[in-house]
Every structure is written in structure tokens, then in C-alpha cells.
Amino acid sequence: MKVTENLVTKDHSKLVSAILADQVNRHQQLLLTWECPDVETAGMVEQFIRHFDTPVACVEKRVEFSFPLLSLKELMARVKEWWDNDDELIASLEQVYRRHQIIWRAGRFTFDLTEQPVIYGILNVTPDSFYDGGKFQSHSAIVNQIAKMVAAGANVIEVGGQTTKPGGFKEVDPEEEIARIMPAIQLLRENYPQIAIAVDTYKLPVMAAAIEAGVDIINDVQAFNSKQKLILMAKANVGMVTMHSSRTHDYDNLTVAMQKFFEHNLGTIAAADIDLERVILDQGIGYAKVADGYQDYAMMRNIDQLNYLHRPIMVAVSRKGFGQKLFNLAKEDRLGVTLIAETAMYLRGGRVLRVHDVEETSQLVKMIDTIENSYWFRSTNCGGPNGSTSCSPNSYAYL
């Protein structure tokens, strides 16, 4: 047996084709066909697929079904339990998985975002960042915060040496920014080799110094908007966070404008001979012309409109001003609304969560992933394959 992928063709009406394309590109649903040796086996496979609560149809010796990309690993695990001797079947599923894998290559690290999200902790060593400015100025405070984030499950720790908060900010010269971030970078390099190090900067000299110091990721709120930055990135192997910003202008159609922005931005980066597997996207929530206005909420909702680009998307809403705007919450009291917004965006495809609160975000991810990948299979008194307690297809009566 084997599983193959169906393509959206023009055999359907324009509307049906558009709906199917939307399911594939925005909702990350795979359209699959399971080819079986006979009609009886196809019926058994159909009942097996129904455990995943997904649309399925049996057509003679074929079973056609849709399946969520982010649960494909769970399907593969169940198939290996029930058909462990069918190498062709298992290989065909692995081929589908590899075709849709979303990889982020960042310095020393390679993240498979299809399998696991990235918890991206924020460490601002600034006196004036909007939430944690002034908290991590001393050596001991930095050491303690890094240890806390690592213990809580951070995969990445981003060091920021200058704020770009809405409402205006004080720009510091590159030398001052470099002096601020270097102690934290050195601490991370020396003590936490398992943690990817990011730097949040839009200044070329700071980028160069950070790369020289061994960081893995550069986060640029100006989207690597100069030839010099792209030349530097092409010579390095760091991951890149490229951000959309609209602080100087409004849009007629926000979604279309953002899609065009990232298509052009990714094209420019690729033309500079930079592998796009190094690049992830940040919508720039908080960087609208009207800070914390309805454009930000629209971007929280339409994050899945960027899934078709097949690049990881950052969720970057931690403690931001929408909590004050909607609920009059002080920055210290915005954790609850932050987690709600992050959950909504995570379920729409945001797989890199840039956060101040690593422990709570790790709990969010574990809880949502557990729910999303929990499919009911009767697991007692079934005598599954290889002595397992899982129920094989032959354990059921098929009608």
C-alpha cells in the first residue's frame, strides 16, 4: 500500500478549487489518497482514518481523505503500529512529510517547525523597553533570568540592546548597543550551548558584531532593508527574522498588502543568494500607524494568510499594548490576554512564539498540542500488532 498526495486541479468549479486551495495553503490540510490492494482492505483503512475525525471517502480500492499537516506525525506513528511490515506505506508517508516540512536553519541549529514549535524568550538589557526595561541591568539579574528561561523550556533567547517600542524611542549609537548585549551573549555561549542566541537589532554594525560573537539569529524590524545588510547575511549562516512594519502608512487591503510585502521581501533576500530556509516572518504587531489599534487585531486573525509562503511565522504579541487598549490592564497584568492571543495565533500557524513568559507559554504549547493530537483509539483488550495494546484494523467489525 502507499499514500499519495492529491493536487488541487481545475477539474472543479472555480469556487470549489478556491476552497480546496484555501484548505491546503491557509489551513495546512493535506489532500491524500491511500491506495489499497483490494476493496476489503480499503474499507478497513477507511474506518481507521475515521478515528482522526477528518473527511474521508472510499472509492473502490482507494481511500481519499484530508489530514492536518501538523498531525501527520501522529498518523505516521499509528500506521507504524498497525502496518509495521508495510515498508512502502511507511516510506510514502515519510515522503509526504518531508515535502511539507517547515525547516528553520539558524546558525548552529536546525529547527523542524512541523514537528515542534520554537519558544523564543526575550531578554531586554535596556533601561527603557516597554515591559522589562531596567529589570536586567546587573550581571546577577541577567544570569538569573537566563537560567529561569532555560529551565522553563526556551529554545532561543533573544538579547535586545535598544527598544523600538511604539510612541517613540531613544536611539542609541551602535557602540552603546553592542556594549549592552555582549555580556549576555557571552554568558549564553559559555554556559548554554543548547540554546540558540538571537539579537534584536536593525543596525548593520551591531549585526556584524553579534555574528562575530557567535549568535545564531538576527531579528531586524527593518526587514534587512539595505544591500549592505544582505551582503553581511549572505556571508553568514545565521537565522533571520524579517519583519513587516507600517508605522508610516495605512492600507486599503491589509492582507493583500502584507502578502505582497513578504513576497517581495523574500524575493529580495533570495536574490542575495541567501537560503530562504534561514528566514522566518514577523507580521509586526505593534508596528502599525495607529499602535495597538484594529490593524493589530486583524493581523492576529489573518496570520494564516501567510502560511502559503511555507516559512515559519513568529507570534510576537507578548505583553503588548492591546491589553491596555481593550481591558485597561497595566503591563504587569497582561499575561492572561497575551496567552489568549498567542493561542489564537498558534492555532492559525504561528510556530515561533516570542515571549517574556517562557514557563506559561511552554504550558500553552503542551496543552494545545496534546489536545490537537489526541485521537481516540480503544487501547484495552484489543491485542494490537506486535503485542501492543492498540487496536489494529482487524480488531473491528467493518460494515
Protein backbone atom coordinates (compact mmCIF):
# COMPACT_ATOMS: atom_id res chain seq x y z
CA MET A 1 0.00 0.00 0.00
CA LYS A 2 1.01 3.62 -0.32
CA VAL A 3 -0.27 7.14 0.34
CA THR A 4 -0.02 9.80 -2.35
CA GLU A 5 -0.86 13.47 -2.35
CA ASN A 6 -3.66 14.95 -4.45
CA LEU A 7 -3.20 18.26 -6.22
CA VAL A 8 -5.87 20.93 -6.49
CA THR A 9 -6.76 20.94 -10.19
CA LYS A 10 -9.07 22.86 -12.46
CA ASP A 11 -11.43 19.89 -12.73
CA HIS A 12 -13.67 21.55 -10.16
CA SER A 13 -15.60 24.80 -10.35
CA LYS A 14 -13.63 27.97 -9.58
CA LEU A 15 -15.24 28.24 -6.15
CA VAL A 16 -14.58 24.62 -5.20
CA SER A 17 -11.00 24.92 -6.42
CA ALA A 18 -10.57 28.11 -4.37
CA ILE A 19 -11.97 26.41 -1.26
CA LEU A 20 -9.66 23.40 -1.70
CA ALA A 21 -6.65 25.63 -2.29
CA ASP A 22 -7.56 27.58 0.85
CA GLN A 23 -7.68 24.36 2.87
CA VAL A 24 -4.25 23.36 1.60
CA ASN A 25 -2.48 26.72 1.70
CA ARG A 26 -4.07 28.53 4.64
CA HIS A 27 -5.38 25.76 6.89
CA GLN A 28 -2.45 23.41 6.16
CA GLN A 29 -4.66 20.47 5.25
CA LEU A 30 -3.22 17.71 3.08
CA LEU A 31 -5.38 16.02 0.42
CA LEU A 32 -4.30 12.38 0.40
CA THR A 33 -5.13 9.10 -1.33
CA TRP A 34 -4.41 5.73 0.29
CA GLU A 35 -4.06 3.05 -2.38
CA CYS A 36 -5.09 -0.43 -1.22
CA PRO A 37 -4.75 -3.89 -2.79
CA ASP A 38 -8.48 -4.68 -2.67
CA VAL A 39 -11.90 -3.32 -1.72
CA GLU A 40 -12.00 -5.10 1.64
CA THR A 41 -8.71 -3.54 2.76
CA ALA A 42 -9.90 -0.14 1.56
CA GLY A 43 -12.93 -0.47 3.84
CA MET A 44 -10.68 -1.28 6.78
CA VAL A 45 -8.45 1.71 6.00
CA GLU A 46 -11.48 3.98 5.76
CA GLN A 47 -12.58 3.00 9.27
CA PHE A 48 -9.04 3.53 10.54
CA ILE A 49 -8.95 7.06 9.08
CA ARG A 50 -12.33 7.88 10.64
CA HIS A 51 -10.65 7.77 14.05
CA PHE A 52 -8.96 11.03 13.07
CA ASP A 53 -12.27 12.89 12.66
CA THR A 54 -11.45 14.07 9.16
CA PRO A 55 -13.37 13.96 5.85
CA VAL A 56 -12.86 10.56 4.18
CA ALA A 57 -14.33 8.70 1.22
CA CYS A 58 -13.75 5.16 -0.02
CA VAL A 59 -13.68 4.85 -3.82
CA GLU A 60 -13.26 1.20 -4.81
CA LYS A 61 -9.67 0.33 -3.81
CA ARG A 62 -8.76 3.92 -2.88
CA VAL A 63 -9.39 5.90 0.30
CA GLU A 64 -9.36 9.66 -0.19
CA PHE A 65 -9.12 11.94 2.83
CA SER A 66 -7.90 15.28 4.10
CA PHE A 67 -5.48 15.47 7.01
CA PRO A 68 -3.91 18.27 9.08
CA LEU A 69 -0.22 18.68 8.34
CA LEU A 70 0.68 19.24 11.99
CA SER A 71 -0.89 15.89 12.96
CA LEU A 72 0.83 13.91 10.22
CA LYS A 73 3.41 12.57 12.69
CA GLU A 74 0.58 11.12 14.77
CA LEU A 75 -0.85 9.39 11.69
CA MET A 76 2.59 8.01 10.86
CA ALA A 77 3.00 6.66 14.38
CA ARG A 78 -0.37 4.88 14.24
CA VAL A 79 0.38 3.44 10.81
CA LYS A 80 3.70 2.06 12.07
CA GLU A 81 1.82 0.35 14.91
CA TRP A 82 -0.79 -1.25 12.66
CA TRP A 83 1.09 -1.90 9.42
CA ASP A 84 4.66 -2.16 10.65
CA ASN A 85 5.63 -4.59 7.90
CA ASP A 86 4.45 -2.39 5.03
CA ASP A 87 7.66 -0.54 4.18
CA GLU A 88 6.17 1.05 1.05
CA LEU A 89 3.28 2.54 3.01
CA ILE A 90 5.53 3.96 5.72
CA ALA A 91 8.01 5.33 3.16
CA SER A 92 5.21 7.04 1.22
CA LEU A 93 4.00 8.86 4.35
CA GLU A 94 7.54 9.91 5.19
CA GLN A 95 7.89 11.31 1.68
CA VAL A 96 4.71 13.40 2.12
CA TYR A 97 6.04 14.66 5.46
CA ARG A 98 9.41 15.68 4.01
CA ARG A 99 7.69 17.53 1.16
CA HIS A 100 5.85 19.75 3.64
CA GLN A 101 8.47 20.03 6.38
CA ILE A 102 8.99 23.61 7.53
CA ILE A 103 12.65 23.97 8.46
CA TRP A 104 14.40 26.94 10.03
CA ARG A 105 18.19 26.89 9.78
CA ALA A 106 19.70 29.24 12.34
CA GLY A 107 23.43 29.20 12.94
CA ARG A 108 24.29 26.10 14.96
CA PHE A 109 20.68 24.92 14.97
CA THR A 110 18.10 23.42 12.65
CA PHE A 111 14.51 23.60 13.85
CA ASP A 112 11.75 21.41 12.39
CA LEU A 113 8.73 23.63 12.96
CA THR A 114 6.38 20.99 11.56
CA GLU A 115 7.26 18.70 14.44
CA GLN A 116 7.77 21.18 17.26
CA PRO A 117 7.29 24.92 17.79
CA VAL A 118 10.06 27.19 18.99
CA ILE A 119 9.80 29.01 22.33
CA TYR A 120 11.72 32.23 21.78
CA GLY A 121 12.47 34.03 25.04
CA ILE A 122 13.02 37.79 25.26
CA LEU A 123 15.87 39.26 27.32
CA ASN A 124 15.97 43.05 27.04
CA VAL A 125 19.11 44.52 28.62
CA THR A 126 17.81 48.04 28.05
CA PRO A 127 16.76 50.72 30.52
CA ASP A 128 13.61 51.64 28.59
CA SER A 129 11.93 48.65 26.87
CA PHE A 130 8.15 48.84 27.15
CA TYR A 131 7.74 45.86 29.52
CA ASP A 132 11.03 44.75 31.08
CA GLY A 133 13.16 47.86 30.60
CA GLY A 134 15.56 48.30 33.53
CA LYS A 135 14.92 44.85 35.04
CA PHE A 136 18.03 43.15 33.68
CA GLN A 137 20.84 45.65 34.02
CA SER A 138 23.10 43.92 36.54
CA HIS A 139 25.18 40.83 35.87
CA SER A 140 23.33 38.80 38.52
CA ALA A 141 19.91 39.78 37.15
CA ILE A 142 20.92 38.68 33.64
CA VAL A 143 22.36 35.38 34.92
CA ASN A 144 19.22 34.62 36.93
CA GLN A 145 16.82 35.47 34.11
CA ILE A 146 18.71 33.36 31.56
CA ALA A 147 18.72 30.39 33.95
CA LYS A 148 14.99 30.84 34.58
CA MET A 149 14.12 30.92 30.87
CA VAL A 150 16.29 27.90 30.07
CA ALA A 151 14.74 25.88 32.89
CA ALA A 152 11.26 26.85 31.68
CA GLY A 153 11.86 25.48 28.19
CA ALA A 154 13.21 28.27 25.97
CA ASN A 155 14.77 27.10 22.69
CA VAL A 156 16.02 30.59 21.79
CA ILE A 157 16.96 33.58 23.93
CA GLU A 158 16.97 36.93 22.19
CA VAL A 159 19.12 39.73 23.59
CA GLY A 160 17.89 43.25 22.89
CA GLY A 161 20.05 46.33 23.38
CA GLN A 162 17.69 49.04 22.12
CA THR A 163 13.93 49.34 22.26
CA THR A 164 11.76 50.10 19.22
CA LYS A 165 8.56 50.47 21.25
CA PRO A 166 5.59 52.41 19.84
CA GLY A 167 5.14 56.04 20.78
CA GLY A 168 8.76 56.92 20.15
CA PHE A 169 12.06 55.65 21.48
CA LYS A 170 15.57 56.89 22.09
CA GLU A 171 18.05 55.60 19.55
CA VAL A 172 21.47 54.67 20.92
CA ASP A 173 24.66 54.51 18.89
CA PRO A 174 25.92 51.10 17.75
CA GLU A 175 28.82 51.10 20.20
CA GLU A 176 26.47 51.54 23.17
CA GLU A 177 24.11 48.83 21.88
CA ILE A 178 26.99 46.40 21.38
CA ALA A 179 28.30 47.10 24.88
CA ARG A 180 24.86 46.33 26.30
CA ILE A 181 24.33 43.00 24.56
CA MET A 182 27.80 41.41 24.66
CA PRO A 183 27.82 40.26 28.31
CA ALA A 184 24.57 38.32 27.83
CA ILE A 185 25.78 36.82 24.54
CA GLN A 186 28.99 35.66 26.21
CA LEU A 187 27.07 34.15 29.14
CA LEU A 188 24.86 32.19 26.78
CA ARG A 189 27.74 31.00 24.62
CA GLU A 190 29.78 29.83 27.60
CA ASN A 191 27.04 28.22 29.69
CA TYR A 192 24.15 27.19 27.46
CA PRO A 193 25.35 25.62 24.20
CA GLN A 194 21.90 24.03 23.74
CA ILE A 195 20.23 27.45 23.44
CA ALA A 196 20.13 29.41 20.18
CA ILE A 197 21.16 33.05 20.67
CA ALA A 198 19.31 35.84 18.89
CA VAL A 199 19.93 39.57 18.74
CA ASP A 200 17.23 42.14 18.07
CA THR A 201 18.79 44.98 16.08
CA TYR A 202 18.32 46.98 12.89
CA LYS A 203 21.88 48.40 12.84
CA LEU A 204 24.48 46.94 10.49
CA PRO A 205 27.48 47.35 12.88
CA VAL A 206 25.57 45.64 15.68
CA MET A 207 24.61 42.77 13.37
CA ALA A 208 28.25 42.33 12.35
CA ALA A 209 29.47 42.37 15.95
CA ALA A 210 26.79 39.89 17.03
CA ILE A 211 27.66 37.49 14.21
CA GLU A 212 31.34 37.77 15.09
CA ALA A 213 30.42 36.92 18.70
CA GLY A 214 28.71 33.72 17.56
CA VAL A 215 24.97 34.44 17.67
CA ASP A 216 22.60 32.22 15.72
CA ILE A 217 19.78 34.62 14.77
CA ILE A 218 19.40 38.26 13.76
CA ASN A 219 15.96 39.86 14.19
CA ASP A 220 15.61 43.02 12.08
CA VAL A 221 12.49 45.17 12.45
CA GLN A 222 13.51 46.87 9.19
CA ALA A 223 13.38 43.60 7.20
CA PHE A 224 17.04 43.61 6.09
CA ASN A 225 16.32 46.68 4.01
CA SER A 226 19.79 47.51 2.69
CA LYS A 227 22.26 45.97 0.29
CA GLN A 228 24.93 46.03 2.99
CA LYS A 229 22.78 44.01 5.39
CA LEU A 230 22.05 41.40 2.72
CA ILE A 231 25.74 41.11 1.83
CA LEU A 232 26.52 40.52 5.52
CA MET A 233 23.75 37.93 5.83
CA ALA A 234 24.89 36.12 2.68
CA LYS A 235 28.36 35.67 4.16
CA ALA A 236 26.97 34.31 7.45
CA ASN A 237 24.78 31.33 8.32
CA VAL A 238 22.56 32.95 10.95
CA GLY A 239 18.80 32.64 11.01
CA MET A 240 16.89 35.78 10.01
CA VAL A 241 13.66 37.22 11.40
CA THR A 242 12.31 39.64 8.80
CA MET A 243 9.55 41.98 9.96
CA HIS A 244 6.77 43.90 8.23
CA SER A 245 6.16 47.43 9.54
CA SER A 246 3.57 50.05 8.62
CA ARG A 247 4.17 52.83 11.11
CA THR A 248 4.23 55.40 8.32
CA HIS A 249 1.23 54.35 6.23
CA ASP A 250 -2.24 52.76 6.13
CA TYR A 251 -3.60 50.02 3.87
CA ASP A 252 -6.72 49.52 1.80
CA ASN A 253 -6.45 45.71 1.93
CA LEU A 254 -4.18 44.69 4.80
CA THR A 255 -3.87 41.01 3.91
CA VAL A 256 -3.01 41.61 0.25
CA ALA A 257 -0.51 44.31 1.18
CA MET A 258 1.25 42.06 3.71
CA GLN A 259 1.38 39.18 1.24
CA LYS A 260 2.93 41.44 -1.40
CA PHE A 261 5.39 42.81 1.14
CA PHE A 262 6.66 39.38 2.17
CA GLU A 263 6.68 38.01 -1.38
CA HIS A 264 8.88 40.95 -2.43
CA ASN A 265 10.99 40.79 0.73
CA LEU A 266 11.64 37.05 0.38
CA GLY A 267 12.40 37.53 -3.30
CA THR A 268 14.97 40.21 -2.47
CA ILE A 269 16.58 38.00 0.18
CA ALA A 270 16.72 35.01 -2.19
CA ALA A 271 18.23 37.19 -4.93
CA ALA A 272 21.07 37.98 -2.50
CA ASP A 273 21.95 34.26 -2.54
CA ILE A 274 20.52 33.60 0.92
CA ASP A 275 18.80 30.29 1.57
CA LEU A 276 15.17 31.01 2.48
CA GLU A 277 15.24 28.14 4.97
CA ARG A 278 17.15 30.61 7.16
CA VAL A 279 14.26 33.10 7.15
CA ILE A 280 11.12 33.42 9.30
CA LEU A 281 8.39 36.07 9.13
CA ASP A 282 7.13 38.57 11.70
CA GLN A 283 3.93 40.46 10.86
CA GLY A 284 4.94 43.43 13.00
CA ILE A 285 2.08 43.59 15.51
CA GLY A 286 2.54 46.85 17.40
CA TYR A 287 4.18 48.48 14.39
CA ALA A 288 1.03 49.86 12.75
CA LYS A 289 0.44 53.55 12.07
CA VAL A 290 -2.02 53.51 14.99
CA ALA A 291 -0.32 51.45 17.68
CA ASP A 292 -2.47 48.82 19.40
CA GLY A 293 -5.36 49.56 17.04
CA TYR A 294 -7.56 47.28 14.99
CA GLN A 295 -4.82 46.57 12.45
CA ASP A 296 -3.06 44.61 15.17
CA TYR A 297 -6.18 42.53 15.87
CA ALA A 298 -6.64 41.92 12.14
CA MET A 299 -3.05 40.65 11.94
CA MET A 300 -3.67 38.30 14.86
CA ARG A 301 -6.57 36.86 12.87
CA ASN A 302 -5.01 36.78 9.41
CA ILE A 303 -1.68 35.21 10.35
CA ASP A 304 -2.76 32.06 8.48
CA GLN A 305 -2.96 34.09 5.27
CA LEU A 306 0.85 33.83 5.18
CA ASN A 307 1.05 30.03 5.51
CA TYR A 308 1.21 29.65 1.73
CA LEU A 309 4.73 31.13 1.81
CA HIS A 310 5.94 27.97 3.60
CA ARG A 311 8.08 29.89 6.05
CA PRO A 312 7.75 29.84 9.85
CA ILE A 313 5.74 32.73 11.26
CA MET A 314 6.55 34.43 14.55
CA VAL A 315 3.90 35.18 17.16
CA ALA A 316 5.14 38.40 18.75
CA VAL A 317 2.38 39.86 20.94
CA SER A 318 3.82 39.33 24.42
CA ARG A 319 2.53 41.90 26.95
CA LYS A 320 1.83 44.43 24.18
CA GLY A 321 -0.49 47.40 24.44
CA PHE A 322 -3.68 45.72 23.21
CA GLY A 323 -4.13 44.54 26.79
CA GLN A 324 -4.28 48.15 27.94
CA LYS A 325 -6.39 49.27 24.99
CA LEU A 326 -9.11 46.63 25.39
CA PHE A 327 -9.05 45.96 29.12
CA ASN A 328 -7.15 48.86 30.70
CA LEU A 329 -4.56 46.42 32.00
CA ALA A 330 -1.17 47.50 33.27
CA LYS A 331 1.77 45.76 31.60
CA GLU A 332 2.25 43.59 34.69
CA ASP A 333 -1.31 42.27 34.36
CA ARG A 334 -1.37 41.33 30.66
CA LEU A 335 -0.22 37.71 30.86
CA GLY A 336 -3.74 36.30 30.56
CA VAL A 337 -4.72 38.24 27.44
CA THR A 338 -1.27 37.59 25.96
CA LEU A 339 -1.74 33.82 26.30
CA ILE A 340 -5.22 34.03 24.75
CA ALA A 341 -3.92 35.96 21.73
CA GLU A 342 -0.92 33.63 21.39
CA THR A 343 -3.21 30.60 21.44
CA ALA A 344 -5.38 32.01 18.66
CA MET A 345 -2.32 32.73 16.52
CA TYR A 346 -0.65 29.41 17.34
CA LEU A 347 -3.73 27.53 16.17
CA ARG A 348 -3.57 29.51 12.90
CA GLY A 349 0.01 28.51 12.15
CA GLY A 350 2.32 30.76 14.20
CA ARG A 351 5.04 28.32 15.23
CA VAL A 352 7.69 30.62 16.76
CA LEU A 353 6.44 32.23 19.98
CA ARG A 354 8.47 35.26 21.03
CA VAL A 355 7.63 35.78 24.70
CA HIS A 356 8.61 37.26 28.03
CA ASP A 357 6.85 34.48 29.98
CA VAL A 358 8.53 31.25 28.90
CA GLU A 359 7.08 28.89 31.51
CA GLU A 360 3.46 29.81 30.82
CA THR A 361 4.00 29.71 27.06
CA SER A 362 5.56 26.25 27.31
CA GLN A 363 2.43 25.12 29.16
CA LEU A 364 0.26 26.69 26.46
CA VAL A 365 2.08 24.81 23.71
CA LYS A 366 2.00 21.47 25.54
CA MET A 367 -1.71 21.80 26.31
CA ILE A 368 -2.74 22.81 22.79
CA ASP A 369 -0.53 20.19 21.13
CA THR A 370 -1.93 17.50 23.42
CA ILE A 371 -5.49 18.47 22.50
CA GLU A 372 -4.81 18.82 18.78
CA ASN A 373 -3.10 15.42 18.54
CA SER A 374 -5.45 13.43 20.76
CA TYR A 375 -7.36 10.97 18.57
CA TRP A 376 -9.37 8.25 20.25
CA PHE A 377 -8.28 4.67 19.71
CA ARG A 378 -9.60 1.94 22.02
CA SER A 379 -6.46 0.77 23.81
CA THR A 380 -7.51 -2.12 26.06
CA ASN A 381 -8.36 -5.77 25.33
CA CYS A 382 -7.51 -5.37 21.68
CA GLY A 383 -4.38 -7.42 21.21
CA GLY A 384 -2.80 -4.95 18.81
CA PRO A 385 0.13 -5.73 16.48
CA ASN A 386 3.50 -6.70 17.97
CA GLY A 387 1.88 -7.29 21.36
CA SER A 388 0.82 -3.65 21.72
CA THR A 389 -2.48 -2.65 23.32
CA SER A 390 -3.53 -0.56 20.32
CA CYS A 391 -6.44 -1.86 18.27
CA SER A 392 -5.49 -2.98 14.79
CA PRO A 393 -7.99 -2.69 11.95
CA ASN A 394 -8.74 -6.40 12.23
CA SER A 395 -9.97 -5.82 15.80
CA TYR A 396 -13.11 -4.12 14.49
CA ALA A 397 -16.14 -5.27 12.60
CA TYR A 398 -16.27 -3.38 9.31
CA LEU A 399 -19.62 -2.87 7.65
